[in-house]
N, C-alpha and C. Protein backbone atom coordinates (compact mmCIF):
# COMPACT_ATOMS: atom_id res chain seq x y z
N MET A 1 60.14 -13.72 -21.07
CA MET A 1 59.59 -14.55 -20.11
C MET A 1 59.74 -13.98 -18.73
N SER A 2 58.57 -14.01 -17.95
CA SER A 2 58.49 -13.37 -16.68
C SER A 2 59.42 -14.19 -15.59
N LEU A 3 59.97 -13.40 -14.67
CA LEU A 3 60.62 -14.15 -13.60
C LEU A 3 59.77 -14.69 -12.52
N VAL A 4 58.57 -14.10 -12.52
CA VAL A 4 57.47 -14.40 -11.54
C VAL A 4 56.79 -15.76 -11.98
N ARG A 5 56.63 -16.61 -10.85
CA ARG A 5 55.93 -17.92 -11.10
C ARG A 5 55.01 -18.02 -9.79
N ARG A 6 54.01 -18.89 -9.99
CA ARG A 6 53.09 -19.22 -8.85
C ARG A 6 53.79 -20.17 -8.01
N ALA A 7 53.85 -19.96 -6.69
CA ALA A 7 54.51 -20.87 -5.81
C ALA A 7 53.76 -22.23 -5.73
N VAL A 8 54.61 -23.23 -5.47
CA VAL A 8 54.13 -24.63 -5.39
C VAL A 8 54.46 -25.15 -3.98
N PRO A 9 53.82 -26.32 -3.73
CA PRO A 9 54.04 -26.90 -2.29
C PRO A 9 55.56 -27.00 -2.02
N GLU A 10 56.37 -27.31 -2.94
CA GLU A 10 57.86 -27.49 -2.61
C GLU A 10 58.45 -26.12 -2.17
N ASP A 11 57.87 -25.06 -2.40
CA ASP A 11 58.31 -23.78 -2.03
C ASP A 11 57.90 -23.40 -0.48
N ALA A 12 57.19 -24.19 0.10
CA ALA A 12 56.53 -23.82 1.38
C ALA A 12 57.62 -23.34 2.38
N GLU A 13 58.67 -24.04 2.56
CA GLU A 13 59.64 -23.68 3.51
C GLU A 13 60.20 -22.23 3.23
N GLU A 14 60.47 -22.01 1.92
CA GLU A 14 61.00 -20.67 1.51
C GLU A 14 59.87 -19.60 1.69
N VAL A 15 58.69 -19.94 1.43
CA VAL A 15 57.60 -18.99 1.58
C VAL A 15 57.55 -18.54 3.12
N LEU A 16 57.63 -19.54 3.92
CA LEU A 16 57.60 -19.17 5.41
C LEU A 16 58.91 -18.37 5.79
N ARG A 17 60.04 -18.75 5.11
CA ARG A 17 61.22 -17.89 5.43
C ARG A 17 61.00 -16.54 5.03
N LEU A 18 60.46 -16.28 3.87
CA LEU A 18 60.29 -14.85 3.51
C LEU A 18 59.18 -14.17 4.23
N ARG A 19 58.21 -14.87 4.66
CA ARG A 19 57.12 -14.31 5.52
C ARG A 19 57.83 -13.83 6.75
N GLN A 20 58.71 -14.57 7.33
CA GLN A 20 59.48 -14.27 8.56
C GLN A 20 60.27 -12.94 8.28
N VAL A 21 60.89 -12.90 7.07
CA VAL A 21 61.70 -11.70 6.74
C VAL A 21 60.72 -10.51 6.73
N MET A 22 59.46 -10.58 6.29
CA MET A 22 58.50 -9.47 6.32
C MET A 22 58.16 -9.16 7.68
N ILE A 23 57.83 -10.23 8.55
CA ILE A 23 57.41 -9.94 9.95
C ILE A 23 58.54 -9.23 10.68
N ASP A 24 59.77 -9.72 10.48
CA ASP A 24 60.93 -9.11 11.20
C ASP A 24 61.21 -7.70 10.77
N SER A 25 60.91 -7.47 9.50
CA SER A 25 61.11 -6.12 8.98
C SER A 25 60.09 -5.11 9.51
N VAL A 26 58.71 -5.62 9.46
CA VAL A 26 57.71 -4.67 9.97
C VAL A 26 57.72 -4.46 11.46
N PHE A 27 58.21 -5.45 12.20
CA PHE A 27 58.21 -5.34 13.65
C PHE A 27 59.66 -5.30 14.10
N ALA A 28 60.56 -4.60 13.39
CA ALA A 28 61.99 -4.53 13.67
C ALA A 28 62.28 -4.08 15.13
N SER A 29 61.43 -3.12 15.61
CA SER A 29 61.68 -2.44 16.92
C SER A 29 61.63 -3.53 17.96
N ALA A 30 60.83 -4.58 17.77
CA ALA A 30 60.64 -5.63 18.89
C ALA A 30 61.75 -6.56 18.80
N GLY A 31 62.64 -6.52 17.75
CA GLY A 31 63.73 -7.58 17.60
C GLY A 31 63.22 -8.74 16.98
N PRO A 32 64.14 -9.64 16.54
CA PRO A 32 63.74 -10.90 15.77
C PRO A 32 62.71 -11.66 16.54
N SER A 33 61.72 -12.13 15.85
CA SER A 33 60.67 -12.99 16.47
C SER A 33 60.94 -14.41 16.35
N SER A 34 60.27 -15.19 17.17
CA SER A 34 60.38 -16.60 17.08
C SER A 34 60.02 -17.22 15.78
N THR A 35 60.68 -18.31 15.34
CA THR A 35 60.25 -19.05 14.12
C THR A 35 59.72 -20.40 14.49
N GLU A 36 59.38 -20.63 15.78
CA GLU A 36 58.97 -21.90 16.16
C GLU A 36 57.59 -22.33 15.49
N TRP A 37 56.86 -21.26 15.16
CA TRP A 37 55.56 -21.57 14.58
C TRP A 37 55.70 -22.21 13.16
N HIS A 38 56.77 -22.03 12.49
CA HIS A 38 56.93 -22.48 11.12
C HIS A 38 56.65 -23.98 10.94
N ALA A 39 57.09 -24.84 11.90
CA ALA A 39 56.88 -26.26 11.80
C ALA A 39 55.36 -26.58 11.80
N GLN A 40 54.59 -25.79 12.59
CA GLN A 40 53.20 -26.07 12.69
C GLN A 40 52.50 -25.50 11.42
N SER A 41 52.96 -24.46 10.86
CA SER A 41 52.28 -23.89 9.70
C SER A 41 52.67 -24.56 8.39
N LEU A 42 53.78 -25.24 8.31
CA LEU A 42 54.28 -25.82 6.99
C LEU A 42 53.28 -26.79 6.39
N PRO A 43 52.66 -27.64 6.98
CA PRO A 43 51.62 -28.50 6.32
C PRO A 43 50.49 -27.67 5.79
N THR A 44 49.99 -26.70 6.44
CA THR A 44 48.92 -25.87 6.01
C THR A 44 49.34 -25.08 4.82
N VAL A 45 50.54 -24.51 4.88
CA VAL A 45 50.98 -23.77 3.62
C VAL A 45 51.16 -24.68 2.43
N ARG A 46 51.78 -25.83 2.66
CA ARG A 46 51.90 -26.75 1.53
C ARG A 46 50.59 -27.04 0.86
N GLY A 47 49.53 -27.35 1.79
CA GLY A 47 48.23 -27.63 1.27
C GLY A 47 47.57 -26.52 0.51
N ARG A 48 47.70 -25.30 1.00
CA ARG A 48 47.17 -24.10 0.30
C ARG A 48 47.87 -23.91 -1.05
N LEU A 49 49.09 -24.08 -1.11
CA LEU A 49 49.93 -23.96 -2.32
C LEU A 49 49.59 -25.01 -3.35
N ALA A 50 49.13 -26.20 -2.88
CA ALA A 50 48.76 -27.25 -3.80
C ALA A 50 47.37 -27.13 -4.45
N ASP A 51 46.56 -26.08 -4.08
CA ASP A 51 45.21 -25.96 -4.60
C ASP A 51 45.22 -24.72 -5.61
N PRO A 52 45.48 -25.03 -6.89
CA PRO A 52 45.50 -23.89 -7.85
C PRO A 52 44.14 -23.19 -8.08
N ASP A 53 43.09 -23.78 -7.68
CA ASP A 53 41.86 -23.20 -7.89
C ASP A 53 41.26 -22.55 -6.60
N GLY A 54 42.06 -22.55 -5.55
CA GLY A 54 41.54 -22.02 -4.31
C GLY A 54 41.54 -20.51 -4.23
N ASP A 55 41.27 -20.02 -3.06
CA ASP A 55 41.18 -18.51 -2.79
C ASP A 55 42.47 -17.93 -2.22
N PHE A 56 43.55 -18.74 -2.37
CA PHE A 56 44.93 -18.29 -1.90
C PHE A 56 45.87 -18.47 -3.00
N ALA A 57 46.75 -17.49 -3.17
CA ALA A 57 47.87 -17.58 -4.20
C ALA A 57 49.12 -16.91 -3.67
N ALA A 58 50.21 -17.49 -3.97
CA ALA A 58 51.53 -16.84 -3.69
C ALA A 58 52.30 -16.86 -4.96
N PHE A 59 52.93 -15.68 -5.24
CA PHE A 59 53.70 -15.59 -6.45
C PHE A 59 55.13 -15.19 -6.02
N VAL A 60 56.14 -15.81 -6.70
CA VAL A 60 57.54 -15.69 -6.19
C VAL A 60 58.47 -15.49 -7.39
N VAL A 61 59.64 -15.04 -7.01
CA VAL A 61 60.84 -15.04 -7.81
C VAL A 61 61.93 -15.87 -7.30
N ASP A 62 62.44 -16.78 -8.06
CA ASP A 62 63.56 -17.54 -7.54
C ASP A 62 64.81 -16.67 -7.39
N HIS A 63 65.55 -16.95 -6.38
CA HIS A 63 66.77 -16.19 -6.10
C HIS A 63 67.83 -16.50 -7.24
N PRO A 64 68.35 -15.41 -7.86
CA PRO A 64 69.33 -15.66 -8.89
C PRO A 64 70.63 -16.15 -8.48
N ASP A 65 70.99 -15.99 -7.21
CA ASP A 65 72.31 -16.46 -6.78
C ASP A 65 72.33 -17.63 -5.91
N ARG A 66 71.12 -18.13 -5.39
CA ARG A 66 71.15 -19.21 -4.43
C ARG A 66 70.04 -20.23 -4.89
N PRO A 67 70.54 -21.25 -5.57
CA PRO A 67 69.48 -22.23 -6.06
C PRO A 67 68.69 -22.86 -4.92
N GLY A 68 67.42 -22.95 -5.20
CA GLY A 68 66.52 -23.51 -4.21
C GLY A 68 65.94 -22.50 -3.30
N ALA A 69 66.44 -21.26 -3.36
CA ALA A 69 65.89 -20.15 -2.51
C ALA A 69 65.09 -19.26 -3.33
N LEU A 70 64.22 -18.46 -2.59
CA LEU A 70 63.34 -17.54 -3.23
C LEU A 70 63.92 -16.08 -2.93
N ALA A 71 63.81 -15.25 -3.94
CA ALA A 71 64.28 -13.87 -3.80
C ALA A 71 63.06 -12.94 -3.31
N ALA A 72 61.86 -13.30 -3.75
CA ALA A 72 60.71 -12.37 -3.38
C ALA A 72 59.52 -13.24 -3.37
N LEU A 73 58.56 -12.61 -2.58
CA LEU A 73 57.18 -13.40 -2.30
C LEU A 73 56.14 -12.27 -2.21
N VAL A 74 54.96 -12.62 -2.75
CA VAL A 74 53.79 -11.86 -2.57
C VAL A 74 52.66 -12.91 -2.39
N ALA A 75 51.80 -12.75 -1.38
CA ALA A 75 50.73 -13.71 -1.17
C ALA A 75 49.43 -12.89 -1.12
N GLY A 76 48.32 -13.50 -1.47
CA GLY A 76 47.02 -12.90 -1.32
C GLY A 76 45.92 -13.90 -1.29
N THR A 77 44.70 -13.45 -0.73
CA THR A 77 43.62 -14.33 -0.62
C THR A 77 42.37 -13.48 -1.19
N ILE A 78 41.35 -14.29 -1.49
CA ILE A 78 40.02 -13.67 -1.85
C ILE A 78 39.05 -14.07 -0.77
N GLU A 79 38.32 -13.11 -0.29
CA GLU A 79 37.28 -13.32 0.64
C GLU A 79 35.96 -12.80 0.10
N TYR A 80 34.94 -13.50 0.45
CA TYR A 80 33.59 -13.01 0.07
C TYR A 80 33.06 -12.28 1.10
N ARG A 81 32.31 -11.12 0.78
CA ARG A 81 31.48 -10.28 1.60
C ARG A 81 30.28 -10.02 0.89
N ILE A 82 29.21 -9.78 1.48
CA ILE A 82 27.93 -9.51 0.82
C ILE A 82 28.25 -8.17 0.00
N GLY A 83 27.85 -8.21 -1.29
CA GLY A 83 28.07 -7.13 -2.16
C GLY A 83 27.58 -5.73 -1.65
N ARG A 84 28.02 -4.69 -2.40
CA ARG A 84 27.61 -3.33 -2.15
C ARG A 84 27.87 -2.57 -3.34
N ALA A 85 27.55 -1.35 -3.37
CA ALA A 85 27.74 -0.43 -4.54
C ALA A 85 29.35 -0.37 -4.78
N GLY A 86 29.69 -0.57 -6.04
CA GLY A 86 31.11 -0.59 -6.37
C GLY A 86 31.84 -1.96 -6.32
N ASN A 87 31.09 -2.90 -5.66
CA ASN A 87 31.57 -4.21 -5.49
C ASN A 87 30.34 -5.20 -5.32
N PRO A 88 29.47 -5.25 -6.38
CA PRO A 88 28.25 -5.96 -6.18
C PRO A 88 28.36 -7.46 -5.90
N HIS A 89 29.46 -8.04 -6.32
CA HIS A 89 29.63 -9.50 -6.05
C HIS A 89 30.36 -9.83 -4.70
N GLY A 90 30.93 -8.83 -4.13
CA GLY A 90 31.46 -9.05 -2.76
C GLY A 90 32.82 -9.65 -2.73
N ALA A 91 33.51 -9.83 -3.74
CA ALA A 91 34.88 -10.43 -3.72
C ALA A 91 35.92 -9.31 -3.33
N VAL A 92 36.60 -9.65 -2.22
CA VAL A 92 37.65 -8.65 -1.76
C VAL A 92 38.99 -9.38 -1.67
N GLY A 93 39.97 -8.83 -2.31
CA GLY A 93 41.27 -9.40 -2.28
C GLY A 93 42.10 -8.76 -1.15
N HIS A 94 42.98 -9.63 -0.59
CA HIS A 94 43.86 -9.19 0.54
C HIS A 94 45.20 -9.61 0.10
N VAL A 95 46.17 -8.52 0.24
CA VAL A 95 47.53 -8.80 -0.09
C VAL A 95 48.26 -8.80 1.24
N PHE A 96 49.20 -9.78 1.35
CA PHE A 96 50.02 -9.84 2.57
C PHE A 96 51.32 -10.57 2.25
N SER A 97 52.21 -10.53 3.22
CA SER A 97 53.50 -11.23 3.11
C SER A 97 54.25 -10.80 1.80
N VAL A 98 54.37 -9.51 1.52
CA VAL A 98 55.14 -8.99 0.47
C VAL A 98 56.55 -8.83 1.09
N ALA A 99 57.51 -9.66 0.53
CA ALA A 99 58.87 -9.70 1.09
C ALA A 99 59.84 -9.96 -0.03
N THR A 100 61.02 -9.28 0.16
CA THR A 100 62.12 -9.56 -0.68
C THR A 100 63.33 -9.92 0.19
N ASP A 101 64.04 -10.89 -0.22
CA ASP A 101 65.25 -11.29 0.58
C ASP A 101 66.15 -10.09 0.65
N PRO A 102 66.73 -9.77 1.77
CA PRO A 102 67.60 -8.56 1.93
C PRO A 102 68.68 -8.46 0.80
N ASP A 103 69.25 -9.55 0.37
CA ASP A 103 70.35 -9.43 -0.64
C ASP A 103 69.78 -9.36 -2.02
N ALA A 104 68.46 -9.33 -2.22
CA ALA A 104 67.94 -9.32 -3.63
C ALA A 104 67.03 -8.10 -3.82
N ARG A 105 67.13 -7.11 -2.95
CA ARG A 105 66.28 -5.91 -3.01
C ARG A 105 66.70 -4.89 -4.08
N ARG A 106 65.70 -4.08 -4.53
CA ARG A 106 65.94 -2.95 -5.44
C ARG A 106 66.19 -3.49 -6.86
N ARG A 107 65.52 -4.66 -7.14
CA ARG A 107 65.67 -5.18 -8.50
C ARG A 107 64.26 -5.36 -9.21
N GLY A 108 63.28 -4.83 -8.51
CA GLY A 108 61.90 -4.92 -9.10
C GLY A 108 61.12 -6.18 -8.83
N TYR A 109 61.64 -7.07 -8.07
CA TYR A 109 61.07 -8.39 -7.87
C TYR A 109 59.68 -8.20 -7.13
N ALA A 110 59.58 -7.39 -6.11
CA ALA A 110 58.29 -7.31 -5.41
C ALA A 110 57.28 -6.58 -6.26
N ARG A 111 57.62 -5.62 -7.17
CA ARG A 111 56.70 -5.05 -8.00
C ARG A 111 56.16 -6.03 -9.00
N ALA A 112 57.08 -6.86 -9.63
CA ALA A 112 56.65 -7.86 -10.62
C ALA A 112 55.71 -8.85 -9.91
N CYS A 113 56.03 -9.30 -8.78
CA CYS A 113 55.11 -10.27 -8.04
C CYS A 113 53.77 -9.66 -7.70
N MET A 114 53.78 -8.32 -7.26
CA MET A 114 52.53 -7.66 -7.03
C MET A 114 51.66 -7.47 -8.26
N GLU A 115 52.27 -7.11 -9.35
CA GLU A 115 51.53 -7.06 -10.66
C GLU A 115 50.97 -8.37 -11.05
N THR A 116 51.72 -9.48 -10.79
CA THR A 116 51.16 -10.73 -11.15
C THR A 116 49.97 -11.11 -10.25
N LEU A 117 50.06 -10.75 -8.88
CA LEU A 117 48.98 -11.02 -7.97
C LEU A 117 47.80 -10.24 -8.39
N LEU A 118 47.94 -8.98 -8.73
CA LEU A 118 46.85 -8.11 -9.10
C LEU A 118 46.21 -8.59 -10.38
N ASP A 119 46.92 -9.20 -11.34
CA ASP A 119 46.37 -9.91 -12.43
C ASP A 119 45.52 -11.08 -12.05
N TRP A 120 45.98 -11.77 -11.11
CA TRP A 120 45.27 -12.97 -10.57
C TRP A 120 43.89 -12.57 -10.01
N PHE A 121 43.89 -11.46 -9.22
CA PHE A 121 42.74 -10.96 -8.68
C PHE A 121 41.77 -10.46 -9.79
N ARG A 122 42.26 -9.82 -10.88
CA ARG A 122 41.37 -9.34 -11.87
C ARG A 122 40.84 -10.48 -12.61
N GLU A 123 41.56 -11.59 -12.86
CA GLU A 123 41.01 -12.77 -13.51
C GLU A 123 39.89 -13.36 -12.79
N ARG A 124 39.75 -13.16 -11.49
CA ARG A 124 38.75 -13.66 -10.61
C ARG A 124 37.72 -12.66 -10.26
N ASN A 125 37.63 -11.60 -11.04
CA ASN A 125 36.58 -10.54 -10.88
C ASN A 125 36.53 -9.90 -9.45
N VAL A 126 37.81 -9.77 -8.88
CA VAL A 126 37.90 -9.06 -7.67
C VAL A 126 37.97 -7.59 -7.90
N LEU A 127 37.14 -6.83 -7.32
CA LEU A 127 36.99 -5.35 -7.61
C LEU A 127 37.62 -4.46 -6.53
N GLN A 128 37.93 -5.07 -5.46
CA GLN A 128 38.63 -4.31 -4.30
C GLN A 128 39.81 -5.07 -3.76
N VAL A 129 40.88 -4.51 -3.56
CA VAL A 129 42.05 -5.18 -2.98
C VAL A 129 42.56 -4.35 -1.84
N ASP A 130 42.72 -4.95 -0.64
CA ASP A 130 43.24 -4.26 0.58
C ASP A 130 44.60 -4.80 0.92
N LEU A 131 45.33 -3.92 1.61
CA LEU A 131 46.59 -4.38 2.13
C LEU A 131 46.98 -3.40 3.28
N ASN A 132 47.89 -3.89 4.08
CA ASN A 132 48.50 -2.95 5.14
C ASN A 132 49.86 -2.63 4.60
N ALA A 133 50.16 -1.31 4.59
CA ALA A 133 51.47 -1.00 4.09
C ALA A 133 52.36 -0.38 5.13
N SER A 134 53.66 -0.82 5.15
CA SER A 134 54.71 -0.21 5.92
C SER A 134 55.05 1.16 5.19
N ALA A 135 55.73 2.03 6.03
CA ALA A 135 55.98 3.25 5.44
C ALA A 135 57.09 3.03 4.29
N GLU A 136 57.89 2.09 4.43
CA GLU A 136 58.94 1.68 3.48
C GLU A 136 58.29 1.31 2.08
N ALA A 137 57.21 0.49 2.16
CA ALA A 137 56.64 -0.04 1.03
C ALA A 137 55.59 0.80 0.47
N GLU A 138 55.05 1.81 1.11
CA GLU A 138 54.02 2.60 0.59
C GLU A 138 54.25 3.24 -0.78
N PRO A 139 55.42 3.66 -1.08
CA PRO A 139 55.58 4.26 -2.55
C PRO A 139 55.33 3.13 -3.54
N LEU A 140 55.70 1.93 -3.32
CA LEU A 140 55.44 0.91 -4.31
C LEU A 140 53.96 0.75 -4.55
N TYR A 141 53.25 0.59 -3.43
CA TYR A 141 51.76 0.38 -3.52
C TYR A 141 51.10 1.55 -4.15
N ALA A 142 51.51 2.82 -3.78
CA ALA A 142 50.96 3.97 -4.38
C ALA A 142 51.13 4.10 -5.84
N SER A 143 52.35 3.55 -6.32
CA SER A 143 52.59 3.57 -7.76
C SER A 143 51.80 2.56 -8.49
N LEU A 144 51.18 1.66 -7.77
CA LEU A 144 50.31 0.60 -8.40
C LEU A 144 48.80 1.07 -8.25
N GLY A 145 48.56 2.20 -7.62
CA GLY A 145 47.25 2.64 -7.52
C GLY A 145 46.52 2.61 -6.18
N PHE A 146 47.23 2.06 -5.17
CA PHE A 146 46.59 1.97 -3.86
C PHE A 146 46.60 3.32 -3.27
N VAL A 147 45.53 3.51 -2.43
CA VAL A 147 45.45 4.89 -1.73
C VAL A 147 45.11 4.51 -0.22
N ARG A 148 45.54 5.43 0.69
CA ARG A 148 45.28 5.32 2.04
C ARG A 148 43.84 5.43 2.23
N LYS A 149 43.22 4.79 3.25
CA LYS A 149 41.86 4.88 3.56
C LYS A 149 41.71 5.11 5.02
N ALA A 150 40.61 5.74 5.41
CA ALA A 150 40.29 5.82 6.86
C ALA A 150 39.86 4.38 7.29
N ASP A 151 40.46 3.92 8.37
CA ASP A 151 40.15 2.56 8.65
C ASP A 151 39.79 2.41 10.18
N PRO A 152 38.42 2.12 10.33
CA PRO A 152 37.98 1.89 11.68
C PRO A 152 38.13 0.42 12.14
N SER A 153 39.07 -0.25 11.65
CA SER A 153 39.26 -1.69 11.99
C SER A 153 39.43 -1.79 13.47
N MET A 154 38.90 -2.96 13.94
CA MET A 154 39.15 -3.37 15.34
C MET A 154 39.45 -4.92 15.21
N ARG A 155 40.06 -5.46 16.21
CA ARG A 155 40.39 -6.93 16.11
C ARG A 155 40.30 -7.60 17.45
N LEU A 156 39.75 -8.89 17.50
CA LEU A 156 39.73 -9.60 18.69
C LEU A 156 40.44 -10.93 18.39
N GLU A 157 41.41 -11.21 19.22
CA GLU A 157 42.15 -12.47 18.97
C GLU A 157 41.56 -13.47 19.94
N LEU A 158 41.20 -14.63 19.41
CA LEU A 158 40.55 -15.73 20.12
C LEU A 158 41.48 -16.74 20.46
């Protein structure tokens, strides 16, 4: 039996806690960031976790030593873009918030969650999956088949 399960609305606070672990890890040089946004985000996360047929999924592993806590989290979404060669239906998966609780690392939890998320994408005929990789996590993603790409991305925050 797999340790990985799909997150449910009751996991929302722990999902946000692990997202914060990921944020603080990726942006460690800036110091710990504020968690004030968690209260505003909580209802939205609960709602998204309550929709098993939606375009968002989070897969988790329960913490083996702390009942009610999560050891690992992987979240992803499916976005539609007009099709193209190699992806005629235009479904694009995005992986984000890959995080493992610091005291539960090096046990294969993130890999197991990633494999489950990738299966979820495949079941939905997603032919392309994108993610942003930290240097620390890049070996995991490469072992799953991800490759670096030239990225001319730009962003506008409104």
